[in-house]
Amino acid sequence: MTRGHADSAPSGGPPQLYVETTGRCHSLDRDVTTIGCGDGVDVTLPDPSVSPLHAELVRRGPFVYVNDVGLSARGTRVNGRLVSQHVLSDGDVVSFGSVRCRIRGITAVSRSDAGRRIRTPALTRREREVLLALCRPIRVDAAFVAPATTKEIAENLVVTEAAVKQHLLRLYAKFGIPEGPARRTRLANEVIQIGVIRALQEEFAELPADRAG
């Protein structure tokens, strides 16, 4: 149902973030749009309740999700509920601190269509093992906790930290994780969000014990 210009967006274009306090619309035409009150963010919200780097709006295939894992001091809410990461739907109210915004122009997709449009990059066996070790502290269906450190991954796989860092660099590139703070966390968010970790867990569970490691 249309309730004024805040709930409508031009068809065919990228999703938009409508800031209710200013009436401004910001096009979400990048893979990652940063939100905050500090210098260098893509969308500036000059409000004392907003952190310098408060959250990210991430586009992956047909989806947009908000990511606020360890970034803000006052939190991010979707339709009034505090979230760390959440897939957004058209018309959702997203509050960064006390600044209310609305998401516009997200097209609903079916599960089958989503499966066709989100592509998982080709991964080597070691890269798959690194991803599993990275996300080992995280239960996919539970509240978010911090992913494994490079030292913990190295100890788990019995390799050097330098080797783990090289694998992570390749994984950042393959999954399109831009440079910036909490890059490991953002990679973990991404691979959980698009179902890579669940698929890898099932794959490794089916391997014989001597191959599963």
N, C-alpha and C. Protein backbone atom coordinates (compact mmCIF):
# COMPACT_ATOMS: atom_id res chain seq x y z
N MET A 1 0.85 -1.19 0.00
CA MET A 1 0.00 0.00 0.00
C MET A 1 0.88 1.23 0.00
N THR A 2 0.57 2.22 -0.83
CA THR A 2 1.36 3.43 -0.92
C THR A 2 0.87 4.43 0.11
N ARG A 3 1.82 4.98 0.86
CA ARG A 3 1.47 5.97 1.89
C ARG A 3 2.34 7.21 1.70
N GLY A 4 2.27 7.80 0.52
CA GLY A 4 3.07 8.99 0.26
C GLY A 4 4.39 8.64 -0.35
N HIS A 5 5.18 9.68 -0.66
CA HIS A 5 6.40 9.48 -1.42
C HIS A 5 7.45 8.69 -0.68
N ALA A 6 7.36 8.60 0.64
CA ALA A 6 8.37 7.85 1.41
C ALA A 6 8.31 6.37 1.14
N ASP A 7 7.19 5.88 0.61
CA ASP A 7 7.05 4.45 0.39
C ASP A 7 7.14 4.06 -1.07
N SER A 8 7.41 5.02 -1.94
CA SER A 8 7.48 4.71 -3.36
C SER A 8 8.85 5.03 -3.89
N ALA A 9 9.26 4.33 -4.94
CA ALA A 9 10.57 4.55 -5.55
C ALA A 9 10.45 4.31 -7.04
N PRO A 10 11.30 4.98 -7.83
CA PRO A 10 11.25 4.75 -9.27
C PRO A 10 11.48 3.28 -9.60
N SER A 11 10.67 2.73 -10.49
CA SER A 11 10.83 1.33 -10.84
C SER A 11 12.05 1.14 -11.72
N GLY A 12 12.72 0.01 -11.55
CA GLY A 12 13.85 -0.32 -12.39
C GLY A 12 15.19 0.18 -11.89
N GLY A 13 15.20 1.11 -10.94
CA GLY A 13 16.45 1.63 -10.42
C GLY A 13 16.89 0.88 -9.18
N PRO A 14 18.04 1.28 -8.60
CA PRO A 14 18.51 0.63 -7.38
C PRO A 14 17.62 0.98 -6.20
N PRO A 15 17.67 0.18 -5.13
CA PRO A 15 16.92 0.53 -3.92
C PRO A 15 17.39 1.87 -3.36
N GLN A 16 16.57 2.45 -2.50
CA GLN A 16 16.88 3.75 -1.93
C GLN A 16 16.69 3.73 -0.42
N LEU A 17 17.44 4.61 0.24
CA LEU A 17 17.28 4.85 1.67
C LEU A 17 16.67 6.24 1.83
N TYR A 18 15.47 6.30 2.36
CA TYR A 18 14.77 7.57 2.58
C TYR A 18 14.93 7.97 4.03
N VAL A 19 15.53 9.15 4.28
CA VAL A 19 15.76 9.64 5.64
C VAL A 19 14.58 10.52 6.04
N GLU A 20 13.80 10.08 7.01
CA GLU A 20 12.56 10.77 7.34
C GLU A 20 12.80 12.16 7.91
N THR A 21 13.89 12.36 8.65
CA THR A 21 14.12 13.65 9.29
C THR A 21 14.52 14.73 8.30
N THR A 22 15.14 14.36 7.19
CA THR A 22 15.59 15.34 6.21
C THR A 22 14.78 15.30 4.92
N GLY A 23 14.08 14.19 4.68
CA GLY A 23 13.34 14.05 3.43
C GLY A 23 14.22 13.70 2.24
N ARG A 24 15.49 13.38 2.50
CA ARG A 24 16.41 13.06 1.41
C ARG A 24 16.40 11.58 1.09
N CYS A 25 16.57 11.27 -0.20
CA CYS A 25 16.70 9.89 -0.66
C CYS A 25 18.13 9.63 -1.10
N HIS A 26 18.67 8.51 -0.70
CA HIS A 26 20.03 8.12 -1.08
C HIS A 26 19.95 6.81 -1.86
N SER A 27 20.51 6.81 -3.05
CA SER A 27 20.48 5.63 -3.89
C SER A 27 21.48 4.60 -3.38
N LEU A 28 21.04 3.37 -3.24
CA LEU A 28 21.92 2.27 -2.80
C LEU A 28 22.48 1.58 -4.04
N ASP A 29 23.32 2.30 -4.76
CA ASP A 29 23.82 1.79 -6.04
C ASP A 29 25.18 1.13 -5.93
N ARG A 30 25.70 1.00 -4.70
CA ARG A 30 26.98 0.32 -4.47
C ARG A 30 26.73 -1.03 -3.81
N ASP A 31 27.74 -1.88 -3.86
CA ASP A 31 27.63 -3.16 -3.15
C ASP A 31 27.52 -2.93 -1.65
N VAL A 32 28.27 -1.95 -1.14
CA VAL A 32 28.23 -1.62 0.29
C VAL A 32 28.08 -0.11 0.43
N THR A 33 27.05 0.33 1.15
CA THR A 33 26.83 1.75 1.45
C THR A 33 27.03 1.94 2.94
N THR A 34 27.98 2.79 3.33
CA THR A 34 28.26 3.01 4.74
C THR A 34 27.40 4.16 5.27
N ILE A 35 26.96 4.00 6.53
CA ILE A 35 26.07 4.95 7.19
C ILE A 35 26.74 5.42 8.47
N GLY A 36 26.71 6.73 8.75
CA GLY A 36 27.27 7.22 10.00
C GLY A 36 27.29 8.73 10.03
N CYS A 37 27.95 9.27 11.06
CA CYS A 37 28.07 10.72 11.19
C CYS A 37 29.49 11.19 10.93
N GLY A 38 30.40 10.27 10.64
CA GLY A 38 31.81 10.62 10.48
C GLY A 38 32.18 10.97 9.05
N ASP A 39 33.42 11.40 8.89
CA ASP A 39 33.93 11.72 7.56
C ASP A 39 34.11 10.44 6.75
N GLY A 40 33.84 10.54 5.46
CA GLY A 40 34.13 9.43 4.55
C GLY A 40 33.04 8.41 4.40
N VAL A 41 31.93 8.51 5.14
CA VAL A 41 30.84 7.56 4.95
C VAL A 41 30.01 7.98 3.75
N ASP A 42 29.26 7.03 3.20
CA ASP A 42 28.47 7.32 2.00
C ASP A 42 27.21 8.12 2.31
N VAL A 43 26.57 7.82 3.43
CA VAL A 43 25.37 8.54 3.86
C VAL A 43 25.64 9.12 5.24
N THR A 44 25.68 10.45 5.32
CA THR A 44 25.98 11.14 6.58
C THR A 44 24.68 11.48 7.31
N LEU A 45 24.60 11.05 8.56
CA LEU A 45 23.45 11.37 9.42
C LEU A 45 23.97 12.15 10.62
N PRO A 46 23.96 13.48 10.56
CA PRO A 46 24.52 14.30 11.64
C PRO A 46 23.61 14.35 12.86
N ASP A 47 23.68 13.31 13.65
CA ASP A 47 22.84 13.20 14.84
C ASP A 47 23.69 12.61 15.96
N PRO A 48 23.55 13.12 17.21
CA PRO A 48 24.41 12.61 18.30
C PRO A 48 24.20 11.14 18.62
N SER A 49 23.07 10.56 18.21
CA SER A 49 22.83 9.14 18.49
C SER A 49 23.47 8.23 17.45
N VAL A 50 24.04 8.82 16.39
CA VAL A 50 24.63 8.05 15.30
C VAL A 50 26.15 7.99 15.47
N SER A 51 26.73 6.82 15.35
CA SER A 51 28.18 6.63 15.48
C SER A 51 28.89 7.07 14.20
N PRO A 52 30.21 7.38 14.29
CA PRO A 52 30.95 7.79 13.09
C PRO A 52 30.81 6.79 11.94
N LEU A 53 31.01 5.50 12.21
CA LEU A 53 30.65 4.44 11.26
C LEU A 53 29.61 3.59 11.98
N HIS A 54 28.35 3.79 11.62
CA HIS A 54 27.26 3.20 12.40
C HIS A 54 26.85 1.83 11.87
N ALA A 55 26.71 1.72 10.54
CA ALA A 55 26.23 0.47 9.95
C ALA A 55 26.53 0.47 8.46
N GLU A 56 26.25 -0.66 7.83
CA GLU A 56 26.40 -0.80 6.38
C GLU A 56 25.11 -1.35 5.80
N LEU A 57 24.77 -0.89 4.61
CA LEU A 57 23.71 -1.51 3.83
C LEU A 57 24.37 -2.24 2.68
N VAL A 58 24.19 -3.55 2.63
CA VAL A 58 24.93 -4.41 1.71
C VAL A 58 23.97 -4.98 0.67
N ARG A 59 24.33 -4.85 -0.60
CA ARG A 59 23.55 -5.44 -1.69
C ARG A 59 24.23 -6.71 -2.17
N ARG A 60 23.48 -7.81 -2.19
CA ARG A 60 23.99 -9.07 -2.70
C ARG A 60 22.89 -9.70 -3.56
N GLY A 61 23.13 -9.76 -4.85
CA GLY A 61 22.10 -10.28 -5.74
C GLY A 61 20.85 -9.43 -5.60
N PRO A 62 19.69 -10.06 -5.41
CA PRO A 62 18.45 -9.30 -5.27
C PRO A 62 18.19 -8.80 -3.85
N PHE A 63 19.10 -9.08 -2.93
CA PHE A 63 18.87 -8.78 -1.53
C PHE A 63 19.62 -7.53 -1.09
N VAL A 64 19.06 -6.88 -0.05
CA VAL A 64 19.75 -5.82 0.68
C VAL A 64 19.67 -6.19 2.15
N TYR A 65 20.81 -6.16 2.84
CA TYR A 65 20.74 -6.40 4.27
C TYR A 65 21.54 -5.35 5.01
N VAL A 66 21.11 -5.07 6.24
CA VAL A 66 21.80 -4.12 7.09
C VAL A 66 22.76 -4.89 7.98
N ASN A 67 23.94 -4.34 8.14
CA ASN A 67 24.99 -4.96 8.95
C ASN A 67 25.45 -3.97 10.00
N ASP A 68 25.24 -4.30 11.27
CA ASP A 68 25.74 -3.49 12.38
C ASP A 68 26.27 -4.46 13.43
N VAL A 69 27.41 -5.05 13.13
CA VAL A 69 28.05 -6.00 14.03
C VAL A 69 29.28 -5.32 14.63
N GLY A 70 29.15 -4.83 15.84
CA GLY A 70 30.27 -4.19 16.51
C GLY A 70 30.64 -2.83 15.95
N LEU A 71 29.73 -2.19 15.21
CA LEU A 71 30.06 -0.90 14.61
C LEU A 71 29.53 0.27 15.42
N SER A 72 28.26 0.22 15.85
CA SER A 72 27.63 1.39 16.46
C SER A 72 27.59 1.29 17.98
N ALA A 73 27.42 2.46 18.62
CA ALA A 73 27.27 2.50 20.07
C ALA A 73 25.81 2.41 20.48
N ARG A 74 24.90 2.97 19.66
CA ARG A 74 23.49 3.04 20.03
C ARG A 74 22.61 2.00 19.34
N GLY A 75 23.19 1.25 18.41
CA GLY A 75 22.45 0.16 17.79
C GLY A 75 21.64 0.56 16.57
N THR A 76 21.20 -0.46 15.85
CA THR A 76 20.37 -0.31 14.65
C THR A 76 19.12 -1.16 14.82
N ARG A 77 17.98 -0.59 14.47
CA ARG A 77 16.71 -1.30 14.60
C ARG A 77 16.00 -1.40 13.26
N VAL A 78 15.35 -2.53 13.04
CA VAL A 78 14.51 -2.72 11.86
C VAL A 78 13.09 -2.93 12.35
N ASN A 79 12.20 -2.01 11.98
CA ASN A 79 10.81 -2.06 12.44
C ASN A 79 10.73 -2.18 13.96
N GLY A 80 11.63 -1.45 14.64
CA GLY A 80 11.62 -1.38 16.09
C GLY A 80 12.41 -2.45 16.80
N ARG A 81 12.93 -3.43 16.07
CA ARG A 81 13.66 -4.54 16.70
C ARG A 81 15.16 -4.36 16.51
N LEU A 82 15.91 -4.44 17.61
CA LEU A 82 17.36 -4.30 17.56
C LEU A 82 17.96 -5.47 16.79
N VAL A 83 18.82 -5.17 15.82
CA VAL A 83 19.42 -6.22 14.98
C VAL A 83 20.92 -5.99 14.86
N SER A 84 21.63 -7.08 14.56
CA SER A 84 23.04 -6.97 14.18
C SER A 84 23.18 -7.10 12.67
N GLN A 85 22.38 -7.99 12.09
CA GLN A 85 22.29 -8.11 10.64
C GLN A 85 20.89 -8.59 10.30
N HIS A 86 20.34 -8.06 9.19
CA HIS A 86 18.95 -8.38 8.89
C HIS A 86 18.68 -8.12 7.42
N VAL A 87 18.08 -9.10 6.74
CA VAL A 87 17.68 -8.91 5.35
C VAL A 87 16.46 -8.00 5.31
N LEU A 88 16.51 -6.99 4.46
CA LEU A 88 15.47 -5.96 4.43
C LEU A 88 14.45 -6.22 3.34
N SER A 89 13.23 -5.75 3.59
CA SER A 89 12.15 -5.81 2.62
C SER A 89 11.71 -4.39 2.29
N ASP A 90 11.05 -4.24 1.17
CA ASP A 90 10.57 -2.92 0.76
C ASP A 90 9.64 -2.34 1.82
N GLY A 91 9.90 -1.09 2.21
CA GLY A 91 9.07 -0.42 3.20
C GLY A 91 9.54 -0.57 4.63
N ASP A 92 10.56 -1.39 4.89
CA ASP A 92 11.07 -1.54 6.25
C ASP A 92 11.55 -0.21 6.80
N VAL A 93 11.28 0.03 8.08
CA VAL A 93 11.79 1.20 8.78
C VAL A 93 13.09 0.80 9.48
N VAL A 94 14.18 1.46 9.12
CA VAL A 94 15.49 1.19 9.70
C VAL A 94 15.91 2.41 10.50
N SER A 95 16.17 2.22 11.79
CA SER A 95 16.57 3.32 12.67
C SER A 95 18.03 3.17 13.04
N PHE A 96 18.82 4.17 12.66
CA PHE A 96 20.24 4.23 13.04
C PHE A 96 20.32 5.16 14.24
N GLY A 97 20.51 4.60 15.46
CA GLY A 97 20.33 5.41 16.64
C GLY A 97 18.87 5.85 16.69
N SER A 98 18.64 7.16 16.77
CA SER A 98 17.26 7.67 16.79
C SER A 98 16.82 8.21 15.44
N VAL A 99 17.64 8.05 14.40
CA VAL A 99 17.29 8.56 13.07
C VAL A 99 16.52 7.49 12.30
N ARG A 100 15.27 7.81 11.98
CA ARG A 100 14.42 6.86 11.26
C ARG A 100 14.60 7.02 9.76
N CYS A 101 14.76 5.88 9.09
CA CYS A 101 14.86 5.85 7.63
C CYS A 101 13.92 4.76 7.12
N ARG A 102 13.67 4.81 5.82
CA ARG A 102 12.80 3.79 5.22
C ARG A 102 13.47 3.26 3.95
N ILE A 103 13.39 1.96 3.77
CA ILE A 103 13.95 1.31 2.58
C ILE A 103 12.88 1.27 1.49
N ARG A 104 13.27 1.68 0.29
CA ARG A 104 12.34 1.72 -0.83
C ARG A 104 12.95 1.01 -2.03
N GLY A 105 12.08 0.42 -2.83
CA GLY A 105 12.52 -0.09 -4.13
C GLY A 105 13.15 -1.46 -4.13
N ILE A 106 12.97 -2.24 -3.06
CA ILE A 106 13.46 -3.62 -3.05
C ILE A 106 12.39 -4.51 -3.66
N THR A 107 12.77 -5.27 -4.66
CA THR A 107 11.84 -6.17 -5.33
C THR A 107 11.84 -7.53 -4.64
N ALA A 108 10.66 -8.00 -4.27
CA ALA A 108 10.56 -9.33 -3.65
C ALA A 108 10.92 -10.40 -4.67
N VAL A 109 11.67 -11.42 -4.22
CA VAL A 109 12.05 -12.52 -5.10
C VAL A 109 11.68 -13.83 -4.44
N SER A 110 11.39 -14.82 -5.26
CA SER A 110 11.08 -16.15 -4.74
C SER A 110 12.37 -16.86 -4.36
N ARG A 111 12.28 -17.93 -3.61
CA ARG A 111 13.46 -18.70 -3.23
C ARG A 111 14.18 -19.25 -4.46
N SER A 112 13.40 -19.72 -5.45
CA SER A 112 14.03 -20.29 -6.64
C SER A 112 14.76 -19.22 -7.43
N ASP A 113 14.16 -18.03 -7.53
CA ASP A 113 14.80 -16.94 -8.26
C ASP A 113 16.04 -16.48 -7.53
N ALA A 114 15.97 -16.42 -6.19
CA ALA A 114 17.14 -16.01 -5.40
C ALA A 114 18.27 -16.99 -5.60
N GLY A 115 17.95 -18.27 -5.64
CA GLY A 115 18.99 -19.28 -5.83
C GLY A 115 19.69 -19.14 -7.16
N ARG A 116 18.94 -18.70 -8.18
CA ARG A 116 19.57 -18.53 -9.49
C ARG A 116 20.45 -17.28 -9.53
N ARG A 117 20.06 -16.23 -8.78
CA ARG A 117 20.73 -14.94 -8.93
C ARG A 117 21.91 -14.76 -8.00
N ILE A 118 21.99 -15.50 -6.89
CA ILE A 118 23.15 -15.41 -6.01
C ILE A 118 24.12 -16.51 -6.41
N ARG A 119 25.30 -16.12 -6.80
CA ARG A 119 26.29 -17.08 -7.27
C ARG A 119 27.43 -17.18 -6.26
N THR A 120 27.75 -18.39 -5.88
CA THR A 120 28.88 -18.62 -4.99
C THR A 120 30.14 -18.79 -5.83
N PRO A 121 31.20 -18.03 -5.55
CA PRO A 121 32.42 -18.18 -6.34
C PRO A 121 33.06 -19.55 -6.13
N ALA A 122 33.87 -19.96 -7.10
CA ALA A 122 34.59 -21.23 -6.99
C ALA A 122 35.61 -21.13 -5.86
N LEU A 123 35.64 -22.12 -4.99
CA LEU A 123 36.52 -22.12 -3.83
C LEU A 123 37.40 -23.36 -3.84
N THR A 124 38.68 -23.18 -3.48
CA THR A 124 39.55 -24.33 -3.29
C THR A 124 39.17 -25.03 -1.99
N ARG A 125 39.68 -26.26 -1.84
CA ARG A 125 39.38 -26.99 -0.60
C ARG A 125 39.89 -26.22 0.62
N ARG A 126 41.10 -25.66 0.53
CA ARG A 126 41.65 -24.93 1.67
C ARG A 126 40.83 -23.68 1.97
N GLU A 127 40.35 -23.00 0.93
CA GLU A 127 39.51 -21.83 1.17
C GLU A 127 38.21 -22.22 1.86
N ARG A 128 37.65 -23.36 1.50
CA ARG A 128 36.44 -23.84 2.17
C ARG A 128 36.73 -24.15 3.64
N GLU A 129 37.89 -24.75 3.90
CA GLU A 129 38.27 -25.06 5.28
C GLU A 129 38.47 -23.78 6.09
N VAL A 130 39.07 -22.76 5.47
CA VAL A 130 39.27 -21.48 6.16
C VAL A 130 37.92 -20.85 6.51
N LEU A 131 36.98 -20.89 5.58
CA LEU A 131 35.66 -20.32 5.85
C LEU A 131 34.96 -21.05 7.00
N LEU A 132 35.04 -22.37 7.00
CA LEU A 132 34.43 -23.13 8.08
C LEU A 132 35.08 -22.80 9.43
N ALA A 133 36.41 -22.70 9.44
CA ALA A 133 37.12 -22.37 10.68
C ALA A 133 36.79 -20.94 11.12
N LEU A 134 36.67 -20.03 10.16
CA LEU A 134 36.33 -18.63 10.47
C LEU A 134 34.99 -18.55 11.18
N CYS A 135 34.03 -19.33 10.71
CA CYS A 135 32.66 -19.24 11.23
C CYS A 135 32.36 -20.28 12.30
N ARG A 136 33.37 -21.04 12.71
CA ARG A 136 33.15 -22.10 13.70
C ARG A 136 32.51 -21.58 14.99
N PRO A 137 32.90 -20.39 15.50
CA PRO A 137 32.26 -19.92 16.75
C PRO A 137 30.81 -19.52 16.58
N ILE A 138 30.33 -19.42 15.34
CA ILE A 138 29.01 -18.87 15.07
C ILE A 138 28.03 -20.00 14.78
N ARG A 139 26.93 -20.04 15.48
CA ARG A 139 25.86 -20.95 15.12
C ARG A 139 24.96 -20.22 14.14
N VAL A 140 24.77 -20.79 12.96
CA VAL A 140 24.13 -20.08 11.86
C VAL A 140 22.76 -19.54 12.25
N ASP A 141 21.98 -20.26 13.03
CA ASP A 141 20.63 -19.84 13.36
C ASP A 141 20.54 -19.12 14.70
N ALA A 142 21.68 -18.76 15.28
CA ALA A 142 21.66 -18.12 16.59
C ALA A 142 22.16 -16.69 16.49
N ALA A 143 22.17 -16.00 17.65
CA ALA A 143 22.67 -14.64 17.68
C ALA A 143 24.14 -14.61 17.29
N PHE A 144 24.56 -13.49 16.73
CA PHE A 144 25.91 -13.40 16.20
C PHE A 144 26.94 -13.29 17.33
N VAL A 145 28.04 -13.99 17.19
CA VAL A 145 29.22 -13.79 18.02
C VAL A 145 30.40 -13.57 17.09
N ALA A 146 31.51 -13.10 17.64
CA ALA A 146 32.66 -12.77 16.79
C ALA A 146 33.21 -14.02 16.11
N PRO A 147 33.63 -13.89 14.84
CA PRO A 147 34.24 -15.03 14.15
C PRO A 147 35.62 -15.32 14.71
N ALA A 148 36.21 -16.41 14.28
CA ALA A 148 37.53 -16.81 14.75
C ALA A 148 38.59 -15.82 14.29
N THR A 149 39.64 -15.66 15.09
CA THR A 149 40.78 -14.83 14.71
C THR A 149 41.67 -15.60 13.74
N THR A 150 42.60 -14.88 13.10
CA THR A 150 43.53 -15.57 12.20
C THR A 150 44.38 -16.58 12.96
N LYS A 151 44.73 -16.27 14.21
CA LYS A 151 45.51 -17.21 15.02
C LYS A 151 44.71 -18.47 15.29
N GLU A 152 43.43 -18.31 15.64
CA GLU A 152 42.59 -19.48 15.92
C GLU A 152 42.38 -20.33 14.67
N ILE A 153 42.21 -19.67 13.52
CA ILE A 153 42.06 -20.42 12.27
C ILE A 153 43.33 -21.21 11.98
N ALA A 154 44.50 -20.56 12.15
CA ALA A 154 45.78 -21.22 11.89
C ALA A 154 45.96 -22.44 12.79
N GLU A 155 45.62 -22.29 14.07
CA GLU A 155 45.76 -23.41 15.00
C GLU A 155 44.80 -24.54 14.63
N ASN A 156 43.61 -24.19 14.22
CA ASN A 156 42.62 -25.20 13.85
C ASN A 156 43.03 -26.00 12.62
N LEU A 157 43.66 -25.32 11.65
CA LEU A 157 44.04 -25.97 10.40
C LEU A 157 45.49 -26.43 10.38
N VAL A 158 46.24 -26.11 11.47
CA VAL A 158 47.66 -26.46 11.59
C VAL A 158 48.44 -25.87 10.41
N VAL A 159 48.28 -24.57 10.22
CA VAL A 159 49.03 -23.82 9.22
C VAL A 159 49.50 -22.53 9.88
N THR A 160 50.29 -21.74 9.15
CA THR A 160 50.78 -20.48 9.70
C THR A 160 49.72 -19.39 9.58
N GLU A 161 49.83 -18.36 10.44
CA GLU A 161 48.93 -17.22 10.33
C GLU A 161 49.11 -16.51 8.99
N ALA A 162 50.34 -16.47 8.49
CA ALA A 162 50.60 -15.83 7.20
C ALA A 162 49.81 -16.52 6.09
N ALA A 163 49.76 -17.85 6.14
CA ALA A 163 49.00 -18.59 5.13
C ALA A 163 47.51 -18.28 5.24
N VAL A 164 47.01 -18.20 6.47
CA VAL A 164 45.60 -17.88 6.67
C VAL A 164 45.28 -16.50 6.11
N LYS A 165 46.16 -15.53 6.37
CA LYS A 165 45.92 -14.17 5.88
C LYS A 165 45.88 -14.12 4.36
N GLN A 166 46.71 -14.91 3.70
CA GLN A 166 46.70 -14.97 2.24
C GLN A 166 45.38 -15.56 1.73
N HIS A 167 44.93 -16.61 2.39
CA HIS A 167 43.64 -17.20 2.00
C HIS A 167 42.51 -16.20 2.22
N LEU A 168 42.55 -15.48 3.34
CA LEU A 168 41.50 -14.50 3.61
C LEU A 168 41.49 -13.39 2.56
N LEU A 169 42.67 -12.94 2.13
CA LEU A 169 42.73 -11.91 1.10
C LEU A 169 42.04 -12.38 -0.18
N ARG A 170 42.28 -13.63 -0.54
CA ARG A 170 41.63 -14.17 -1.75
C ARG A 170 40.12 -14.29 -1.54
N LEU A 171 39.71 -14.66 -0.34
CA LEU A 171 38.28 -14.79 -0.05
C LEU A 171 37.59 -13.42 -0.05
N TYR A 172 38.27 -12.39 0.49
CA TYR A 172 37.70 -11.04 0.43
C TYR A 172 37.43 -10.65 -1.02
N ALA A 173 38.39 -10.95 -1.89
CA ALA A 173 38.24 -10.60 -3.30
C ALA A 173 37.11 -11.39 -3.95
N LYS A 174 37.04 -12.68 -3.66
CA LYS A 174 36.02 -13.53 -4.29
C LYS A 174 34.61 -13.16 -3.87
N PHE A 175 34.45 -12.74 -2.62
CA PHE A 175 33.11 -12.41 -2.14
C PHE A 175 32.84 -10.90 -2.16
N GLY A 176 33.77 -10.12 -2.70
CA GLY A 176 33.55 -8.69 -2.85
C GLY A 176 33.47 -7.94 -1.54
N ILE A 177 34.31 -8.31 -0.56
CA ILE A 177 34.33 -7.63 0.73
C ILE A 177 35.33 -6.48 0.66
N PRO A 178 34.88 -5.23 0.67
CA PRO A 178 35.80 -4.10 0.52
C PRO A 178 36.68 -3.91 1.75
N GLU A 179 37.79 -3.19 1.57
CA GLU A 179 38.67 -2.88 2.69
C GLU A 179 37.93 -2.03 3.70
N GLY A 180 38.37 -2.10 4.96
CA GLY A 180 37.74 -1.33 6.01
C GLY A 180 37.74 -2.10 7.31
N PRO A 181 37.12 -1.52 8.35
CA PRO A 181 37.12 -2.18 9.66
C PRO A 181 36.29 -3.46 9.65
N ALA A 182 36.65 -4.37 10.55
CA ALA A 182 35.90 -5.62 10.76
C ALA A 182 35.73 -6.41 9.47
N ARG A 183 36.80 -6.52 8.68
CA ARG A 183 36.67 -7.19 7.38
C ARG A 183 36.39 -8.68 7.55
N ARG A 184 37.04 -9.33 8.52
CA ARG A 184 36.75 -10.75 8.77
C ARG A 184 35.29 -10.95 9.16
N THR A 185 34.80 -10.05 10.00
CA THR A 185 33.40 -10.13 10.44
C THR A 185 32.46 -9.97 9.26
N ARG A 186 32.78 -9.04 8.38
CA ARG A 186 31.91 -8.81 7.21
C ARG A 186 31.93 -10.01 6.26
N LEU A 187 33.10 -10.66 6.14
CA LEU A 187 33.17 -11.88 5.33
C LEU A 187 32.31 -12.98 5.95
N ALA A 188 32.42 -13.14 7.27
CA ALA A 188 31.61 -14.15 7.95
C ALA A 188 30.12 -13.87 7.78
N ASN A 189 29.73 -12.60 7.92
CA ASN A 189 28.33 -12.22 7.71
C ASN A 189 27.86 -12.63 6.32
N GLU A 190 28.70 -12.33 5.33
CA GLU A 190 28.32 -12.56 3.94
C GLU A 190 28.12 -14.05 3.66
N VAL A 191 29.09 -14.88 4.05
CA VAL A 191 29.00 -16.30 3.70
C VAL A 191 27.88 -17.00 4.47
N ILE A 192 27.56 -16.51 5.67
CA ILE A 192 26.41 -17.05 6.39
C ILE A 192 25.12 -16.59 5.72
N GLN A 193 25.07 -15.30 5.36
CA GLN A 193 23.85 -14.72 4.80
C GLN A 193 23.42 -15.41 3.52
N ILE A 194 24.37 -15.76 2.66
CA ILE A 194 24.01 -16.34 1.36
C ILE A 194 24.03 -17.87 1.37
N GLY A 195 24.22 -18.46 2.56
CA GLY A 195 24.07 -19.90 2.69
C GLY A 195 25.31 -20.73 2.40
N VAL A 196 26.48 -20.09 2.24
CA VAL A 196 27.70 -20.83 1.92
C VAL A 196 28.10 -21.75 3.07
N ILE A 197 28.05 -21.24 4.30
CA ILE A 197 28.51 -22.03 5.44
C ILE A 197 27.63 -23.25 5.65
N ARG A 198 26.33 -23.09 5.54
CA ARG A 198 25.44 -24.24 5.70
C ARG A 198 25.75 -25.31 4.67
N ALA A 199 25.99 -24.88 3.41
CA ALA A 199 26.32 -25.83 2.35
C ALA A 199 27.64 -26.53 2.63
N LEU A 200 28.64 -25.78 3.12
CA LEU A 200 29.94 -26.38 3.42
C LEU A 200 29.84 -27.36 4.58
N GLN A 201 29.05 -27.01 5.59
CA GLN A 201 28.88 -27.93 6.72
C GLN A 201 28.28 -29.25 6.25
N GLU A 202 27.31 -29.17 5.35
CA GLU A 202 26.69 -30.39 4.82
C GLU A 202 27.69 -31.17 3.97
N GLU A 203 28.49 -30.44 3.17
CA GLU A 203 29.48 -31.09 2.30
C GLU A 203 30.51 -31.85 3.12
N PHE A 204 31.07 -31.20 4.15
CA PHE A 204 32.12 -31.84 4.94
C PHE A 204 31.55 -32.94 5.84
N ALA A 205 30.29 -32.81 6.23
CA ALA A 205 29.67 -33.86 7.04
C ALA A 205 29.52 -35.16 6.27
N GLU A 206 29.42 -35.04 4.93
CA GLU A 206 29.23 -36.23 4.09
C GLU A 206 30.54 -36.91 3.72
N LEU A 207 31.69 -36.25 3.99
CA LEU A 207 32.98 -36.84 3.63
C LEU A 207 33.35 -37.96 4.60
N PRO A 208 34.10 -38.97 4.14
CA PRO A 208 34.65 -39.98 5.06
C PRO A 208 35.52 -39.32 6.10
N ALA A 209 35.65 -39.94 7.27
CA ALA A 209 36.38 -39.34 8.38
C ALA A 209 37.80 -38.98 8.02
N ASP A 210 38.48 -39.82 7.19
CA ASP A 210 39.88 -39.55 6.86
C ASP A 210 40.03 -38.40 5.89
N ARG A 211 38.94 -37.98 5.23
CA ARG A 211 39.02 -36.85 4.31
C ARG A 211 38.44 -35.59 4.91
N ALA A 212 37.56 -35.72 5.89
CA ALA A 212 36.92 -34.54 6.47
C ALA A 212 37.90 -33.75 7.30
N GLY A 213 38.98 -34.36 7.81
CA GLY A 213 40.00 -33.67 8.56
C GLY A 213 39.61 -33.45 10.01
